[in-house]
Amino acid sequence: MLILPIIGYTAGGPLILSMGIDRFIAVKFPTNYRFYQQSPVHYLTVQLIFPIFYSLFFLIFGYLERDTQE
């Protein structure tokens, strides 16, 4: 099955968006960014929520809509 390539394909865009938001916060609010970096596990978790749910949505949607009549 093509699960890993689909995860990479669907998570790539949101991960780049997440990285862009991270850079924006670092440039626009440098003092707040340093505060966020004191707890990197929580900050990383918040940054990865959207890409993970986006990928899961398309994996589940693809699984439910697959053609089983091959």
C-alpha atoms as a PDB file:
ATOM      1  CA  MET A   1       0.000   0.000   0.000  1.00  0.00           C
ATOM      2  CA  LEU A   2       1.084   3.594  -0.535  1.00  0.00           C
ATOM      3  CA  ILE A   3       0.519   4.876   2.997  1.00  0.00           C
ATOM      4  CA  LEU A   4       3.954   6.440   3.566  1.00  0.00           C
ATOM      5  CA  PRO A   5       4.083   8.342   0.251  1.00  0.00           C
ATOM      6  CA  ILE A   6       0.554   9.629   0.847  1.00  0.00           C
ATOM      7  CA  ILE A   7       1.509  10.826   4.333  1.00  0.00           C
ATOM      8  CA  GLY A   8       4.524  12.631   2.891  1.00  0.00           C
ATOM      9  CA  TYR A   9       2.494  14.128   0.065  1.00  0.00           C
ATOM     10  CA  THR A  10      -0.319  15.396   2.283  1.00  0.00           C
ATOM     11  CA  ALA A  11       1.855  16.571   5.195  1.00  0.00           C
ATOM     12  CA  GLY A  12       4.435  18.438   3.109  1.00  0.00           C
ATOM     13  CA  GLY A  13       2.410  21.580   2.463  1.00  0.00           C
ATOM     14  CA  PRO A  14       1.096  22.022   6.006  1.00  0.00           C
ATOM     15  CA  LEU A  15       4.580  21.404   7.443  1.00  0.00           C
ATOM     16  CA  ILE A  16       6.011  24.162   5.254  1.00  0.00           C
ATOM     17  CA  LEU A  17       3.152  26.430   6.358  1.00  0.00           C
ATOM     18  CA  SER A  18       3.913  25.575   9.986  1.00  0.00           C
ATOM     19  CA  MET A  19       7.582  26.397   9.439  1.00  0.00           C
ATOM     20  CA  GLY A  20       6.625  29.726   7.875  1.00  0.00           C
ATOM     21  CA  ILE A  21       4.403  30.586  10.831  1.00  0.00           C
ATOM     22  CA  ASP A  22       7.256  29.666  13.178  1.00  0.00           C
ATOM     23  CA  ARG A  23       9.655  31.983  11.330  1.00  0.00           C
ATOM     24  CA  PHE A  24       7.045  34.761  11.325  1.00  0.00           C
ATOM     25  CA  ILE A  25       6.618  34.481  15.102  1.00  0.00           C
ATOM     26  CA  ALA A  26      10.403  34.468  15.557  1.00  0.00           C
ATOM     27  CA  VAL A  27      10.813  37.672  13.531  1.00  0.00           C
ATOM     28  CA  LYS A  28       7.689  39.574  14.570  1.00  0.00           C
ATOM     29  CA  PHE A  29       7.666  38.649  18.284  1.00  0.00           C
ATOM     30  CA  PRO A  30      11.237  37.711  19.289  1.00  0.00           C
ATOM     31  CA  THR A  31      10.703  38.026  23.057  1.00  0.00           C
ATOM     32  CA  ASN A  32       7.582  35.857  22.963  1.00  0.00           C
ATOM     33  CA  TYR A  33       9.375  33.367  20.735  1.00  0.00           C
ATOM     34  CA  ARG A  34      12.132  32.923  23.316  1.00  0.00           C
ATOM     35  CA  PHE A  35       9.461  32.301  25.936  1.00  0.00           C
ATOM     36  CA  TYR A  36       7.831  29.662  23.702  1.00  0.00           C
ATOM     37  CA  GLN A  37      11.192  27.970  23.192  1.00  0.00           C
ATOM     38  CA  GLN A  38      11.585  27.380  26.933  1.00  0.00           C
ATOM     39  CA  SER A  39       9.003  24.617  26.572  1.00  0.00           C
ATOM     40  CA  PRO A  40       9.873  23.172  23.143  1.00  0.00           C
ATOM     41  CA  VAL A  41       7.746  20.029  23.522  1.00  0.00           C
ATOM     42  CA  HIS A  42       4.550  22.034  23.923  1.00  0.00           C
ATOM     43  CA  TYR A  43       5.484  24.477  21.171  1.00  0.00           C
ATOM     44  CA  LEU A  44       6.332  21.684  18.738  1.00  0.00           C
ATOM     45  CA  THR A  45       3.111  19.858  19.596  1.00  0.00           C
ATOM     46  CA  VAL A  46       1.041  22.946  18.826  1.00  0.00           C
ATOM     47  CA  GLN A  47       2.946  23.467  15.563  1.00  0.00           C
ATOM     48  CA  LEU A  48       2.344  19.864  14.427  1.00  0.00           C
ATOM     49  CA  ILE A  49      -1.369  19.559  15.274  1.00  0.00           C
ATOM     50  CA  PHE A  50      -2.591  20.942  11.926  1.00  0.00           C
ATOM     51  CA  PRO A  51      -0.276  18.885   9.652  1.00  0.00           C
ATOM     52  CA  ILE A  52      -1.062  15.658  11.537  1.00  0.00           C
ATOM     53  CA  PHE A  53      -4.835  16.118  11.390  1.00  0.00           C
ATOM     54  CA  TYR A  54      -4.650  17.223   7.751  1.00  0.00           C
ATOM     55  CA  SER A  55      -2.754  14.050   6.816  1.00  0.00           C
ATOM     56  CA  LEU A  56      -5.035  11.832   8.881  1.00  0.00           C
ATOM     57  CA  PHE A  57      -8.092  13.330   7.200  1.00  0.00           C
ATOM     58  CA  PHE A  58      -6.827  12.465   3.731  1.00  0.00           C
ATOM     59  CA  LEU A  59      -5.664   8.996   4.784  1.00  0.00           C
ATOM     60  CA  ILE A  60      -9.063   8.175   6.261  1.00  0.00           C
ATOM     61  CA  PHE A  61     -10.884   9.743   3.314  1.00  0.00           C
ATOM     62  CA  GLY A  62      -8.763   7.780   0.847  1.00  0.00           C
ATOM     63  CA  TYR A  63      -9.306   4.550   2.768  1.00  0.00           C
ATOM     64  CA  LEU A  64     -13.076   5.025   2.826  1.00  0.00           C
ATOM     65  CA  GLU A  65     -13.294   6.019  -0.856  1.00  0.00           C
ATOM     66  CA  ARG A  66     -10.949   3.378  -2.244  1.00  0.00           C
ATOM     67  CA  ASP A  67     -12.115   1.193  -5.098  1.00  0.00           C
ATOM     68  CA  THR A  68     -12.403  -2.383  -3.847  1.00  0.00           C
ATOM     69  CA  GLN A  69     -13.755  -3.686  -7.173  1.00  0.00           C
ATOM     70  CA  GLU A  70     -10.363  -4.216  -8.831  1.00  0.00           C
END
